[in-house]
Amino acid sequence: MASGPQVNANLLEAEKQIADAAKAGAKLVALPENFAIMGMNEYDK
């Protein structure tokens, strides 16, 4: 992913990728660090 500061937008993108991976047959799916938020500064999280 290329996560941003908006949690809801990141979760929508994460679900899309999880759905695509599952459709391709994956049984284990791993998300990247900070997938839900990469804030404008270190304290946004």
ModelCIF file with pLDDT and N, C-alpha, C, O atoms, coordinates in Angstrom:
data_MODEL
#
_entry.id   MODEL 
#
_entity.id                         1 
_entity.type                       polymer 
_entity.pdbx_number_of_molecules   1 
#
_entity_poly.entity_id                      1 
_entity_poly.type                           'polypeptide(L)' 
_entity_poly.nstd_linkage                   no 
_entity_poly.nstd_monomer                   no 
_entity_poly.pdbx_seq_one_letter_code       MASGPQVNANLLEAEKQIADAAKAGAKLVALPENFAIMGMNEYDK 
_entity_poly.pdbx_seq_one_letter_code_can   MASGPQVNANLLEAEKQIADAAKAGAKLVALPENFAIMGMNEYDK 
_entity_poly.pdbx_strand_id                 A 
#
loop_
_entity_poly_seq.entity_id 
_entity_poly_seq.num 
_entity_poly_seq.mon_id 
_entity_poly_seq.hetero 
1 1  MET n 
1 2  ALA n 
1 3  SER n 
1 4  GLY n 
1 5  PRO n 
1 6  GLN n 
1 7  VAL n 
1 8  ASN n 
1 9  ALA n 
1 10 ASN n 
1 11 LEU n 
1 12 LEU n 
1 13 GLU n 
1 14 ALA n 
1 15 GLU n 
1 16 LYS n 
1 17 GLN n 
1 18 ILE n 
1 19 ALA n 
1 20 ASP n 
1 21 ALA n 
1 22 ALA n 
1 23 LYS n 
1 24 ALA n 
1 25 GLY n 
1 26 ALA n 
1 27 LYS n 
1 28 LEU n 
1 29 VAL n 
1 30 ALA n 
1 31 LEU n 
1 32 PRO n 
1 33 GLU n 
1 34 ASN n 
1 35 PHE n 
1 36 ALA n 
1 37 ILE n 
1 38 MET n 
1 39 GLY n 
1 40 MET n 
1 41 ASN n 
1 42 GLU n 
1 43 TYR n 
1 44 ASP n 
1 45 LYS n 
#
_struct_asym.id          A 
_struct_asym.entity_id   1 
#
loop_
_ma_qa_metric.id 
_ma_qa_metric.mode 
_ma_qa_metric.name 
_ma_qa_metric.software_group_id 
_ma_qa_metric.type 
1 global pLDDT . pLDDT 
2 local  pLDDT . pLDDT 
#
_ma_qa_metric_global.metric_id      1 
_ma_qa_metric_global.metric_value   97.16 
_ma_qa_metric_global.model_id       1 
_ma_qa_metric_global.ordinal_id     1 
#
loop_
_ma_qa_metric_local.label_asym_id 
_ma_qa_metric_local.label_comp_id 
_ma_qa_metric_local.label_seq_id 
_ma_qa_metric_local.metric_id 
_ma_qa_metric_local.metric_value 
_ma_qa_metric_local.model_id 
_ma_qa_metric_local.ordinal_id 
A MET 1  2 98.00 1 1  
A ALA 2  2 97.00 1 2  
A SER 3  2 98.00 1 3  
A GLY 4  2 97.00 1 4  
A PRO 5  2 97.00 1 5  
A GLN 6  2 97.00 1 6  
A VAL 7  2 98.00 1 7  
A ASN 8  2 98.00 1 8  
A ALA 9  2 98.00 1 9  
A ASN 10 2 98.00 1 10 
A LEU 11 2 98.00 1 11 
A LEU 12 2 98.00 1 12 
A GLU 13 2 98.00 1 13 
A ALA 14 2 98.00 1 14 
A GLU 15 2 98.00 1 15 
A LYS 16 2 98.00 1 16 
A GLN 17 2 98.00 1 17 
A ILE 18 2 98.00 1 18 
A ALA 19 2 98.00 1 19 
A ASP 20 2 98.00 1 20 
A ALA 21 2 98.00 1 21 
A ALA 22 2 98.00 1 22 
A LYS 23 2 98.00 1 23 
A ALA 24 2 97.00 1 24 
A GLY 25 2 98.00 1 25 
A ALA 26 2 98.00 1 26 
A LYS 27 2 98.00 1 27 
A LEU 28 2 98.00 1 28 
A VAL 29 2 98.00 1 29 
A ALA 30 2 98.00 1 30 
A LEU 31 2 98.00 1 31 
A PRO 32 2 98.00 1 32 
A GLU 33 2 98.00 1 33 
A ASN 34 2 98.00 1 34 
A PHE 35 2 98.00 1 35 
A ALA 36 2 98.00 1 36 
A ILE 37 2 98.00 1 37 
A MET 38 2 96.00 1 38 
A GLY 39 2 95.00 1 39 
A MET 40 2 95.00 1 40 
A ASN 41 2 92.00 1 41 
A GLU 42 2 89.00 1 42 
A TYR 43 2 93.00 1 43 
A ASP 44 2 95.00 1 44 
A LYS 45 2 96.00 1 45 
#
loop_
_atom_site.group_PDB 
_atom_site.id 
_atom_site.type_symbol 
_atom_site.label_atom_id 
_atom_site.label_alt_id 
_atom_site.label_comp_id 
_atom_site.label_asym_id 
_atom_site.label_entity_id 
_atom_site.label_seq_id 
_atom_site.pdbx_PDB_ins_code 
_atom_site.Cartn_x 
_atom_site.Cartn_y 
_atom_site.Cartn_z 
_atom_site.occupancy 
_atom_site.B_iso_or_equiv 
_atom_site.pdbx_formal_charge 
_atom_site.auth_seq_id 
_atom_site.auth_comp_id 
_atom_site.auth_asym_id 
_atom_site.auth_atom_id 
_atom_site.pdbx_PDB_model_num 
ATOM 1   N N  . MET A 1 1  ? 0.846   -1.187  0.000  1.00 98.00 ? 1  MET A N  1 
ATOM 2   C CA . MET A 1 1  ? 0.000   0.000   0.000  1.00 98.00 ? 1  MET A CA 1 
ATOM 3   C C  . MET A 1 1  ? 0.887   1.244   0.000  1.00 98.00 ? 1  MET A C  1 
ATOM 4   O O  . MET A 1 1  ? 2.100   1.166   0.198  1.00 98.00 ? 1  MET A O  1 
ATOM 5   N N  . ALA A 1 2  ? 0.247   2.392   -0.228 1.00 97.00 ? 2  ALA A N  1 
ATOM 6   C CA . ALA A 1 2  ? 0.888   3.693   -0.034 1.00 97.00 ? 2  ALA A CA 1 
ATOM 7   C C  . ALA A 1 2  ? -0.067  4.486   0.853  1.00 97.00 ? 2  ALA A C  1 
ATOM 8   O O  . ALA A 1 2  ? -0.735  5.415   0.398  1.00 97.00 ? 2  ALA A O  1 
ATOM 9   N N  . SER A 1 3  ? -0.115  4.107   2.111  1.00 98.00 ? 3  SER A N  1 
ATOM 10  C CA . SER A 1 3  ? -1.130  4.614   3.036  1.00 98.00 ? 3  SER A CA 1 
ATOM 11  C C  . SER A 1 3  ? -0.974  6.108   3.287  1.00 98.00 ? 3  SER A C  1 
ATOM 12  O O  . SER A 1 3  ? 0.117   6.669   3.190  1.00 98.00 ? 3  SER A O  1 
ATOM 13  N N  . GLY A 1 4  ? -2.117  6.739   3.617  1.00 97.00 ? 4  GLY A N  1 
ATOM 14  C CA . GLY A 1 4  ? -2.142  8.163   3.905  1.00 97.00 ? 4  GLY A CA 1 
ATOM 15  C C  . GLY A 1 4  ? -2.681  8.431   5.297  1.00 97.00 ? 4  GLY A C  1 
ATOM 16  O O  . GLY A 1 4  ? -2.737  7.521   6.125  1.00 97.00 ? 4  GLY A O  1 
ATOM 17  N N  . PRO A 1 5  ? -3.085  9.681   5.571  1.00 97.00 ? 5  PRO A N  1 
ATOM 18  C CA . PRO A 1 5  ? -3.495  10.060  6.918  1.00 97.00 ? 5  PRO A CA 1 
ATOM 19  C C  . PRO A 1 5  ? -4.947  9.730   7.268  1.00 97.00 ? 5  PRO A C  1 
ATOM 20  O O  . PRO A 1 5  ? -5.342  9.854   8.428  1.00 97.00 ? 5  PRO A O  1 
ATOM 21  N N  . GLN A 1 6  ? -5.747  9.312   6.282  1.00 97.00 ? 6  GLN A N  1 
ATOM 22  C CA . GLN A 1 6  ? -7.161  9.044   6.525  1.00 97.00 ? 6  GLN A CA 1 
ATOM 23  C C  . GLN A 1 6  ? -7.394  7.544   6.747  1.00 97.00 ? 6  GLN A C  1 
ATOM 24  O O  . GLN A 1 6  ? -7.242  6.741   5.826  1.00 97.00 ? 6  GLN A O  1 
ATOM 25  N N  . VAL A 1 7  ? -7.761  7.182   7.969  1.00 98.00 ? 7  VAL A N  1 
ATOM 26  C CA . VAL A 1 7  ? -7.919  5.771   8.314  1.00 98.00 ? 7  VAL A CA 1 
ATOM 27  C C  . VAL A 1 7  ? -8.952  5.090   7.428  1.00 98.00 ? 7  VAL A C  1 
ATOM 28  O O  . VAL A 1 7  ? -8.690  4.010   6.898  1.00 98.00 ? 7  VAL A O  1 
ATOM 29  N N  . ASN A 1 8  ? -10.115 5.697   7.259  1.00 98.00 ? 8  ASN A N  1 
ATOM 30  C CA . ASN A 1 8  ? -11.183 5.048   6.482  1.00 98.00 ? 8  ASN A CA 1 
ATOM 31  C C  . ASN A 1 8  ? -10.756 4.761   5.046  1.00 98.00 ? 8  ASN A C  1 
ATOM 32  O O  . ASN A 1 8  ? -11.061 3.696   4.509  1.00 98.00 ? 8  ASN A O  1 
ATOM 33  N N  . ALA A 1 9  ? -10.057 5.700   4.425  1.00 98.00 ? 9  ALA A N  1 
ATOM 34  C CA . ALA A 1 9  ? -9.582  5.490   3.051  1.00 98.00 ? 9  ALA A CA 1 
ATOM 35  C C  . ALA A 1 9  ? -8.585  4.341   2.991  1.00 98.00 ? 9  ALA A C  1 
ATOM 36  O O  . ALA A 1 9  ? -8.615  3.534   2.061  1.00 98.00 ? 9  ALA A O  1 
ATOM 37  N N  . ASN A 1 10 ? -7.712  4.268   3.975  1.00 98.00 ? 10 ASN A N  1 
ATOM 38  C CA . ASN A 1 10 ? -6.730  3.182   4.006  1.00 98.00 ? 10 ASN A CA 1 
ATOM 39  C C  . ASN A 1 10 ? -7.399  1.824   4.204  1.00 98.00 ? 10 ASN A C  1 
ATOM 40  O O  . ASN A 1 10 ? -6.984  0.832   3.604  1.00 98.00 ? 10 ASN A O  1 
ATOM 41  N N  . LEU A 1 11 ? -8.425  1.779   5.038  1.00 98.00 ? 11 LEU A N  1 
ATOM 42  C CA . LEU A 1 11 ? -9.116  0.510   5.270  1.00 98.00 ? 11 LEU A CA 1 
ATOM 43  C C  . LEU A 1 11 ? -9.855  0.053   4.012  1.00 98.00 ? 11 LEU A C  1 
ATOM 44  O O  . LEU A 1 11 ? -9.908  -1.143  3.724  1.00 98.00 ? 11 LEU A O  1 
ATOM 45  N N  . LEU A 1 12 ? -10.419 0.993   3.269  1.00 98.00 ? 12 LEU A N  1 
ATOM 46  C CA . LEU A 1 12 ? -11.072 0.636   2.008  1.00 98.00 ? 12 LEU A CA 1 
ATOM 47  C C  . LEU A 1 12 ? -10.069 0.030   1.028  1.00 98.00 ? 12 LEU A C  1 
ATOM 48  O O  . LEU A 1 12 ? -10.361 -0.967  0.368  1.00 98.00 ? 12 LEU A O  1 
ATOM 49  N N  . GLU A 1 13 ? -8.895  0.634   0.939  1.00 98.00 ? 13 GLU A N  1 
ATOM 50  C CA . GLU A 1 13 ? -7.858  0.111   0.042  1.00 98.00 ? 13 GLU A CA 1 
ATOM 51  C C  . GLU A 1 13 ? -7.370  -1.249  0.525  1.00 98.00 ? 13 GLU A C  1 
ATOM 52  O O  . GLU A 1 13 ? -7.158  -2.158  -0.277 1.00 98.00 ? 13 GLU A O  1 
ATOM 53  N N  . ALA A 1 14 ? -7.194  -1.386  1.824  1.00 98.00 ? 14 ALA A N  1 
ATOM 54  C CA . ALA A 1 14 ? -6.733  -2.667  2.366  1.00 98.00 ? 14 ALA A CA 1 
ATOM 55  C C  . ALA A 1 14 ? -7.736  -3.772  2.067  1.00 98.00 ? 14 ALA A C  1 
ATOM 56  O O  . ALA A 1 14 ? -7.342  -4.877  1.694  1.00 98.00 ? 14 ALA A O  1 
ATOM 57  N N  . GLU A 1 15 ? -9.019  -3.495  2.224  1.00 98.00 ? 15 GLU A N  1 
ATOM 58  C CA . GLU A 1 15 ? -10.019 -4.527  1.955  1.00 98.00 ? 15 GLU A CA 1 
ATOM 59  C C  . GLU A 1 15 ? -10.029 -4.908  0.477  1.00 98.00 ? 15 GLU A C  1 
ATOM 60  O O  . GLU A 1 15 ? -10.174 -6.081  0.133  1.00 98.00 ? 15 GLU A O  1 
ATOM 61  N N  . LYS A 1 16 ? -9.875  -3.918  -0.389 1.00 98.00 ? 16 LYS A N  1 
ATOM 62  C CA . LYS A 1 16 ? -9.826  -4.228  -1.820 1.00 98.00 ? 16 LYS A CA 1 
ATOM 63  C C  . LYS A 1 16 ? -8.691  -5.194  -2.125 1.00 98.00 ? 16 LYS A C  1 
ATOM 64  O O  . LYS A 1 16 ? -8.873  -6.160  -2.867 1.00 98.00 ? 16 LYS A O  1 
ATOM 65  N N  . GLN A 1 17 ? -7.528  -4.936  -1.557 1.00 98.00 ? 17 GLN A N  1 
ATOM 66  C CA . GLN A 1 17 ? -6.381  -5.794  -1.817 1.00 98.00 ? 17 GLN A CA 1 
ATOM 67  C C  . GLN A 1 17 ? -6.564  -7.181  -1.190 1.00 98.00 ? 17 GLN A C  1 
ATOM 68  O O  . GLN A 1 17 ? -6.188  -8.190  -1.786 1.00 98.00 ? 17 GLN A O  1 
ATOM 69  N N  . ILE A 1 18 ? -7.139  -7.223  0.003  1.00 98.00 ? 18 ILE A N  1 
ATOM 70  C CA . ILE A 1 18 ? -7.409  -8.516  0.650  1.00 98.00 ? 18 ILE A CA 1 
ATOM 71  C C  . ILE A 1 18 ? -8.385  -9.332  -0.187 1.00 98.00 ? 18 ILE A C  1 
ATOM 72  O O  . ILE A 1 18 ? -8.189  -10.531 -0.385 1.00 98.00 ? 18 ILE A O  1 
ATOM 73  N N  . ALA A 1 19 ? -9.439  -8.680  -0.678 1.00 98.00 ? 19 ALA A N  1 
ATOM 74  C CA . ALA A 1 19 ? -10.427 -9.374  -1.508 1.00 98.00 ? 19 ALA A CA 1 
ATOM 75  C C  . ALA A 1 19 ? -9.782  -9.936  -2.769 1.00 98.00 ? 19 ALA A C  1 
ATOM 76  O O  . ALA A 1 19 ? -10.059 -11.070 -3.160 1.00 98.00 ? 19 ALA A O  1 
ATOM 77  N N  . ASP A 1 20 ? -8.924  -9.145  -3.404 1.00 98.00 ? 20 ASP A N  1 
ATOM 78  C CA . ASP A 1 20 ? -8.255  -9.599  -4.629 1.00 98.00 ? 20 ASP A CA 1 
ATOM 79  C C  . ASP A 1 20 ? -7.312  -10.764 -4.340 1.00 98.00 ? 20 ASP A C  1 
ATOM 80  O O  . ASP A 1 20 ? -7.236  -11.720 -5.113 1.00 98.00 ? 20 ASP A O  1 
ATOM 81  N N  . ALA A 1 21 ? -6.598  -10.675 -3.222 1.00 98.00 ? 21 ALA A N  1 
ATOM 82  C CA . ALA A 1 21 ? -5.682  -11.761 -2.869 1.00 98.00 ? 21 ALA A CA 1 
ATOM 83  C C  . ALA A 1 21 ? -6.441  -13.043 -2.560 1.00 98.00 ? 21 ALA A C  1 
ATOM 84  O O  . ALA A 1 21 ? -6.029  -14.129 -2.967 1.00 98.00 ? 21 ALA A O  1 
ATOM 85  N N  . ALA A 1 22 ? -7.552  -12.915 -1.838 1.00 98.00 ? 22 ALA A N  1 
ATOM 86  C CA . ALA A 1 22 ? -8.375  -14.090 -1.525 1.00 98.00 ? 22 ALA A CA 1 
ATOM 87  C C  . ALA A 1 22 ? -8.941  -14.702 -2.801 1.00 98.00 ? 22 ALA A C  1 
ATOM 88  O O  . ALA A 1 22 ? -8.988  -15.924 -2.940 1.00 98.00 ? 22 ALA A O  1 
ATOM 89  N N  . LYS A 1 23 ? -9.367  -13.858 -3.723 1.00 98.00 ? 23 LYS A N  1 
ATOM 90  C CA . LYS A 1 23 ? -9.896  -14.341 -5.000 1.00 98.00 ? 23 LYS A CA 1 
ATOM 91  C C  . LYS A 1 23 ? -8.829  -15.103 -5.778 1.00 98.00 ? 23 LYS A C  1 
ATOM 92  O O  . LYS A 1 23 ? -9.138  -16.028 -6.529 1.00 98.00 ? 23 LYS A O  1 
ATOM 93  N N  . ALA A 1 24 ? -7.578  -14.711 -5.593 1.00 97.00 ? 24 ALA A N  1 
ATOM 94  C CA . ALA A 1 24 ? -6.460  -15.394 -6.259 1.00 97.00 ? 24 ALA A CA 1 
ATOM 95  C C  . ALA A 1 24 ? -6.040  -16.667 -5.544 1.00 97.00 ? 24 ALA A C  1 
ATOM 96  O O  . ALA A 1 24 ? -5.118  -17.357 -5.979 1.00 97.00 ? 24 ALA A O  1 
ATOM 97  N N  . GLY A 1 25 ? -6.720  -16.976 -4.445 1.00 98.00 ? 25 GLY A N  1 
ATOM 98  C CA . GLY A 1 25 ? -6.472  -18.243 -3.763 1.00 98.00 ? 25 GLY A CA 1 
ATOM 99  C C  . GLY A 1 25 ? -5.686  -18.161 -2.478 1.00 98.00 ? 25 GLY A C  1 
ATOM 100 O O  . GLY A 1 25 ? -5.394  -19.192 -1.872 1.00 98.00 ? 25 GLY A O  1 
ATOM 101 N N  . ALA A 1 26 ? -5.331  -16.949 -2.037 1.00 98.00 ? 26 ALA A N  1 
ATOM 102 C CA . ALA A 1 26 ? -4.534  -16.810 -0.822 1.00 98.00 ? 26 ALA A CA 1 
ATOM 103 C C  . ALA A 1 26 ? -5.341  -17.218 0.407  1.00 98.00 ? 26 ALA A C  1 
ATOM 104 O O  . ALA A 1 26 ? -6.522  -16.893 0.524  1.00 98.00 ? 26 ALA A O  1 
ATOM 105 N N  . LYS A 1 27 ? -4.688  -17.933 1.318  1.00 98.00 ? 27 LYS A N  1 
ATOM 106 C CA . LYS A 1 27 ? -5.293  -18.319 2.593  1.00 98.00 ? 27 LYS A CA 1 
ATOM 107 C C  . LYS A 1 27 ? -4.668  -17.568 3.762  1.00 98.00 ? 27 LYS A C  1 
ATOM 108 O O  . LYS A 1 27 ? -5.229  -17.540 4.857  1.00 98.00 ? 27 LYS A O  1 
ATOM 109 N N  . LEU A 1 28 ? -3.514  -16.964 3.532  1.00 98.00 ? 28 LEU A N  1 
ATOM 110 C CA . LEU A 1 28 ? -2.860  -16.086 4.501  1.00 98.00 ? 28 LEU A CA 1 
ATOM 111 C C  . LEU A 1 28 ? -2.553  -14.787 3.783  1.00 98.00 ? 28 LEU A C  1 
ATOM 112 O O  . LEU A 1 28 ? -1.938  -14.793 2.717  1.00 98.00 ? 28 LEU A O  1 
ATOM 113 N N  . VAL A 1 29 ? -2.983  -13.666 4.366  1.00 98.00 ? 29 VAL A N  1 
ATOM 114 C CA . VAL A 1 29 ? -2.771  -12.353 3.767  1.00 98.00 ? 29 VAL A CA 1 
ATOM 115 C C  . VAL A 1 29 ? -2.123  -11.452 4.807  1.00 98.00 ? 29 VAL A C  1 
ATOM 116 O O  . VAL A 1 29 ? -2.633  -11.316 5.919  1.00 98.00 ? 29 VAL A O  1 
ATOM 117 N N  . ALA A 1 30 ? -0.999  -10.836 4.449  1.00 98.00 ? 30 ALA A N  1 
ATOM 118 C CA . ALA A 1 30 ? -0.284  -9.963  5.380  1.00 98.00 ? 30 ALA A CA 1 
ATOM 119 C C  . ALA A 1 30 ? -0.292  -8.529  4.866  1.00 98.00 ? 30 ALA A C  1 
ATOM 120 O O  . ALA A 1 30 ? -0.006  -8.273  3.696  1.00 98.00 ? 30 ALA A O  1 
ATOM 121 N N  . LEU A 1 31 ? -0.626  -7.593  5.762  1.00 98.00 ? 31 LEU A N  1 
ATOM 122 C CA . LEU A 1 31 ? -0.667  -6.175  5.452  1.00 98.00 ? 31 LEU A CA 1 
ATOM 123 C C  . LEU A 1 31 ? 0.644   -5.510  5.868  1.00 98.00 ? 31 LEU A C  1 
ATOM 124 O O  . LEU A 1 31 ? 1.360   -6.048  6.713  1.00 98.00 ? 31 LEU A O  1 
ATOM 125 N N  . PRO A 1 32 ? 0.976   -4.346  5.292  1.00 98.00 ? 32 PRO A N  1 
ATOM 126 C CA . PRO A 1 32 ? 2.227   -3.676  5.648  1.00 98.00 ? 32 PRO A CA 1 
ATOM 127 C C  . PRO A 1 32 ? 2.132   -2.915  6.971  1.00 98.00 ? 32 PRO A C  1 
ATOM 128 O O  . PRO A 1 32 ? 1.044   -2.685  7.498  1.00 98.00 ? 32 PRO A O  1 
ATOM 129 N N  . GLU A 1 33 ? 3.278   -2.539  7.481  1.00 98.00 ? 33 GLU A N  1 
ATOM 130 C CA . GLU A 1 33 ? 3.345   -1.663  8.652  1.00 98.00 ? 33 GLU A CA 1 
ATOM 131 C C  . GLU A 1 33 ? 2.585   -0.370  8.362  1.00 98.00 ? 33 GLU A C  1 
ATOM 132 O O  . GLU A 1 33 ? 2.608   0.134   7.240  1.00 98.00 ? 33 GLU A O  1 
ATOM 133 N N  . ASN A 1 34 ? 1.911   0.160   9.386  1.00 98.00 ? 34 ASN A N  1 
ATOM 134 C CA . ASN A 1 34 ? 1.192   1.442   9.273  1.00 98.00 ? 34 ASN A CA 1 
ATOM 135 C C  . ASN A 1 34 ? 0.128   1.430   8.175  1.00 98.00 ? 34 ASN A C  1 
ATOM 136 O O  . ASN A 1 34 ? -0.174  2.469   7.587  1.00 98.00 ? 34 ASN A O  1 
ATOM 137 N N  . PHE A 1 35 ? -0.439  0.254   7.902  1.00 98.00 ? 35 PHE A N  1 
ATOM 138 C CA . PHE A 1 35 ? -1.406  0.184   6.805  1.00 98.00 ? 35 PHE A CA 1 
ATOM 139 C C  . PHE A 1 35 ? -2.612  1.075   7.040  1.00 98.00 ? 35 PHE A C  1 
ATOM 140 O O  . PHE A 1 35 ? -3.188  1.595   6.085  1.00 98.00 ? 35 PHE A O  1 
ATOM 141 N N  . ALA A 1 36 ? -3.008  1.264   8.306  1.00 98.00 ? 36 ALA A N  1 
ATOM 142 C CA . ALA A 1 36 ? -4.233  2.015   8.610  1.00 98.00 ? 36 ALA A CA 1 
ATOM 143 C C  . ALA A 1 36 ? -4.013  3.513   8.669  1.00 98.00 ? 36 ALA A C  1 
ATOM 144 O O  . ALA A 1 36 ? -4.957  4.279   8.476  1.00 98.00 ? 36 ALA A O  1 
ATOM 145 N N  . ILE A 1 37 ? -2.786  3.951   8.933  1.00 98.00 ? 37 ILE A N  1 
ATOM 146 C CA . ILE A 1 37 ? -2.509  5.388   8.977  1.00 98.00 ? 37 ILE A CA 1 
ATOM 147 C C  . ILE A 1 37 ? -1.018  5.656   8.820  1.00 98.00 ? 37 ILE A C  1 
ATOM 148 O O  . ILE A 1 37 ? -0.184  5.074   9.515  1.00 98.00 ? 37 ILE A O  1 
ATOM 149 N N  . MET A 1 38 ? -0.705  6.556   7.885  1.00 96.00 ? 38 MET A N  1 
ATOM 150 C CA . MET A 1 38 ? 0.605   7.202   7.830  1.00 96.00 ? 38 MET A CA 1 
ATOM 151 C C  . MET A 1 38 ? 0.314   8.693   7.862  1.00 96.00 ? 38 MET A C  1 
ATOM 152 O O  . MET A 1 38 ? 0.013   9.307   6.839  1.00 96.00 ? 38 MET A O  1 
ATOM 153 N N  . GLY A 1 39 ? 0.411   9.264   9.060  1.00 95.00 ? 39 GLY A N  1 
ATOM 154 C CA . GLY A 1 39 ? -0.048  10.624  9.290  1.00 95.00 ? 39 GLY A CA 1 
ATOM 155 C C  . GLY A 1 39 ? 0.867   11.684  8.713  1.00 95.00 ? 39 GLY A C  1 
ATOM 156 O O  . GLY A 1 39 ? 1.931   11.384  8.170  1.00 95.00 ? 39 GLY A O  1 
ATOM 157 N N  . MET A 1 40 ? 0.438   12.920  8.838  1.00 95.00 ? 40 MET A N  1 
ATOM 158 C CA . MET A 1 40 ? 1.233   14.046  8.383  1.00 95.00 ? 40 MET A CA 1 
ATOM 159 C C  . MET A 1 40 ? 2.418   14.287  9.310  1.00 95.00 ? 40 MET A C  1 
ATOM 160 O O  . MET A 1 40 ? 3.418   14.884  8.914  1.00 95.00 ? 40 MET A O  1 
ATOM 161 N N  . ASN A 1 41 ? 2.293   13.816  10.548 1.00 92.00 ? 41 ASN A N  1 
ATOM 162 C CA . ASN A 1 41 ? 3.416   13.853  11.476 1.00 92.00 ? 41 ASN A CA 1 
ATOM 163 C C  . ASN A 1 41 ? 3.366   12.598  12.331 1.00 92.00 ? 41 ASN A C  1 
ATOM 164 O O  . ASN A 1 41 ? 2.410   11.827  12.255 1.00 92.00 ? 41 ASN A O  1 
ATOM 165 N N  . GLU A 1 42 ? 4.388   12.393  13.139 1.00 89.00 ? 42 GLU A N  1 
ATOM 166 C CA . GLU A 1 42 ? 4.512   11.154  13.905 1.00 89.00 ? 42 GLU A CA 1 
ATOM 167 C C  . GLU A 1 42 ? 3.466   11.013  15.007 1.00 89.00 ? 42 GLU A C  1 
ATOM 168 O O  . GLU A 1 42 ? 3.268   9.922   15.540 1.00 89.00 ? 42 GLU A O  1 
ATOM 169 N N  . TYR A 1 43 ? 2.799   12.105  15.348 1.00 93.00 ? 43 TYR A N  1 
ATOM 170 C CA . TYR A 1 43 ? 1.859   12.055  16.467 1.00 93.00 ? 43 TYR A CA 1 
ATOM 171 C C  . TYR A 1 43 ? 0.406   11.903  16.024 1.00 93.00 ? 43 TYR A C  1 
ATOM 172 O O  . TYR A 1 43 ? -0.478  11.734  16.864 1.00 93.00 ? 43 TYR A O  1 
ATOM 173 N N  . ASP A 1 44 ? 0.144   11.961  14.711 1.00 95.00 ? 44 ASP A N  1 
ATOM 174 C CA . ASP A 1 44 ? -1.228  11.758  14.229 1.00 95.00 ? 44 ASP A CA 1 
ATOM 175 C C  . ASP A 1 44 ? -1.764  10.394  14.644 1.00 95.00 ? 44 ASP A C  1 
ATOM 176 O O  . ASP A 1 44 ? -2.948  10.252  14.947 1.00 95.00 ? 44 ASP A O  1 
ATOM 177 N N  . LYS A 1 45 ? -0.895  9.399   14.657 1.00 96.00 ? 45 LYS A N  1 
ATOM 178 C CA . LYS A 1 45 ? -1.346  8.051   15.002 1.00 96.00 ? 45 LYS A CA 1 
ATOM 179 C C  . LYS A 1 45 ? -1.768  7.948   16.460 1.00 96.00 ? 45 LYS A C  1 
ATOM 180 O O  . LYS A 1 45 ? -2.175  6.878   16.911 1.00 96.00 ? 45 LYS A O  1 
#
